[in-house]
Amino acid sequence: MTDQPTPDPTPAATPAGTIDDATLKAAFNAFKKRYKIQKLDRESRLGGHRPTSAGLNAVGFGIQPPNQFPLAAFQALAKQGRIKDLGAGFFAMV
């Protein structure tokens, strides 16, 4: 029996309030860039086979957030209302 403190059982689970503003801002910017690229990719496929087609708007899709940032950062952004949590690790722009 030692008098050492017990380690925290869930060190990876950080509350959304502990993520600093700089990380949230960088995570949101990275998410916006990835979302924009995915949207353009989807829209280019919806227009048909001609390269000069007008395409269609890609609506109602979600993406997995960039893995350079913790998932808790994107959950915090969803709680702030900046992005929408679709569940199963997918998020969408509001």
Protein backbone atom coordinates (compact mmCIF):
# COMPACT_ATOMS: atom_id res chain seq x y z
CA MET A 1 0.00 0.00 0.00
CA THR A 2 1.54 3.22 -1.18
CA ASP A 3 0.21 6.70 -0.79
CA GLN A 4 0.50 7.58 -4.48
CA PRO A 5 -2.49 9.24 -6.13
CA THR A 6 -4.49 7.13 -8.52
CA PRO A 7 -4.17 8.10 -12.17
CA ASP A 8 -7.10 9.58 -14.01
CA PRO A 9 -8.98 6.67 -15.66
CA THR A 10 -9.84 8.66 -18.81
CA PRO A 11 -6.95 10.97 -19.69
CA ALA A 12 -7.90 11.05 -23.39
CA ALA A 13 -11.41 12.32 -22.67
CA THR A 14 -11.01 16.04 -22.27
CA PRO A 15 -14.03 18.25 -21.65
CA ALA A 16 -14.91 20.58 -24.49
CA GLY A 17 -14.26 23.61 -22.30
CA THR A 18 -10.55 22.87 -21.93
CA ILE A 19 -9.69 23.36 -25.59
CA ASP A 20 -8.15 26.77 -26.16
CA ASP A 21 -9.49 29.27 -28.65
CA ALA A 22 -6.46 29.04 -30.96
CA THR A 23 -6.96 25.29 -31.39
CA LEU A 24 -10.68 25.76 -32.05
CA LYS A 25 -9.98 28.44 -34.64
CA ALA A 26 -7.36 26.33 -36.41
CA ALA A 27 -9.64 23.27 -36.31
CA PHE A 28 -12.55 25.26 -37.76
CA ASN A 29 -10.39 26.67 -40.56
CA ALA A 30 -9.06 23.21 -41.43
CA PHE A 31 -12.61 21.84 -41.40
CA LYS A 32 -13.84 24.63 -43.71
CA LYS A 33 -11.04 23.92 -46.19
CA ARG A 34 -11.69 20.18 -46.24
CA TYR A 35 -15.46 20.73 -46.50
CA LYS A 36 -14.99 23.12 -49.43
CA ILE A 37 -12.79 20.63 -51.29
CA GLN A 38 -15.23 17.78 -50.70
CA LYS A 39 -18.14 19.94 -51.83
CA LEU A 40 -16.37 20.92 -55.05
CA ASP A 41 -15.51 17.29 -55.68
CA ARG A 42 -19.14 16.21 -55.20
CA GLU A 43 -20.46 19.01 -57.39
CA SER A 44 -18.11 18.13 -60.22
CA ARG A 45 -19.52 14.58 -60.30
CA LEU A 46 -23.17 15.63 -60.20
CA GLY A 47 -23.20 17.58 -63.46
CA GLY A 48 -22.87 14.77 -65.94
CA HIS A 49 -20.13 13.65 -68.23
CA ARG A 50 -19.35 16.91 -69.97
CA PRO A 51 -16.50 18.94 -68.47
CA THR A 52 -18.33 22.20 -69.22
CA SER A 53 -21.58 21.24 -67.50
CA ALA A 54 -22.96 23.56 -64.88
CA GLY A 55 -23.07 20.87 -62.22
CA LEU A 56 -25.49 20.70 -59.33
CA ASN A 57 -25.30 21.88 -55.76
CA ALA A 58 -24.09 19.29 -53.28
CA VAL A 59 -26.35 19.58 -50.27
CA GLY A 60 -26.85 17.45 -47.22
CA PHE A 61 -23.51 15.73 -46.82
CA GLY A 62 -21.06 15.40 -43.98
CA ILE A 63 -17.35 14.76 -43.77
CA GLN A 64 -14.98 13.31 -41.24
CA PRO A 65 -13.02 16.13 -39.64
CA PRO A 66 -9.27 16.49 -40.17
CA ASN A 67 -7.38 14.09 -37.92
CA GLN A 68 -4.73 16.69 -37.03
CA PHE A 69 -7.07 17.96 -34.33
CA PRO A 70 -8.79 16.11 -31.47
CA LEU A 71 -12.38 15.03 -31.94
CA ALA A 72 -13.27 17.02 -28.82
CA ALA A 73 -12.41 20.23 -30.72
CA PHE A 74 -15.04 19.49 -33.35
CA GLN A 75 -17.57 18.48 -30.73
CA ALA A 76 -16.94 21.82 -29.03
CA LEU A 77 -17.47 23.61 -32.35
CA ALA A 78 -20.74 21.72 -32.74
CA LYS A 79 -21.85 22.81 -29.27
CA GLN A 80 -21.06 26.41 -30.25
CA GLY A 81 -23.26 25.98 -33.33
CA ARG A 82 -20.49 26.59 -35.85
CA ILE A 83 -20.74 23.11 -37.36
CA LYS A 84 -23.34 20.36 -37.14
CA ASP A 85 -22.64 16.95 -35.59
CA LEU A 86 -24.24 14.27 -37.78
CA GLY A 87 -23.12 11.40 -35.58
CA ALA A 88 -20.74 8.49 -36.22
CA GLY A 89 -17.82 10.93 -36.51
CA PHE A 90 -19.29 13.01 -39.36
CA PHE A 91 -19.82 16.76 -39.28
CA ALA A 92 -21.31 19.31 -41.68
CA MET A 93 -21.32 23.07 -42.11
CA VAL A 94 -24.32 24.89 -40.71
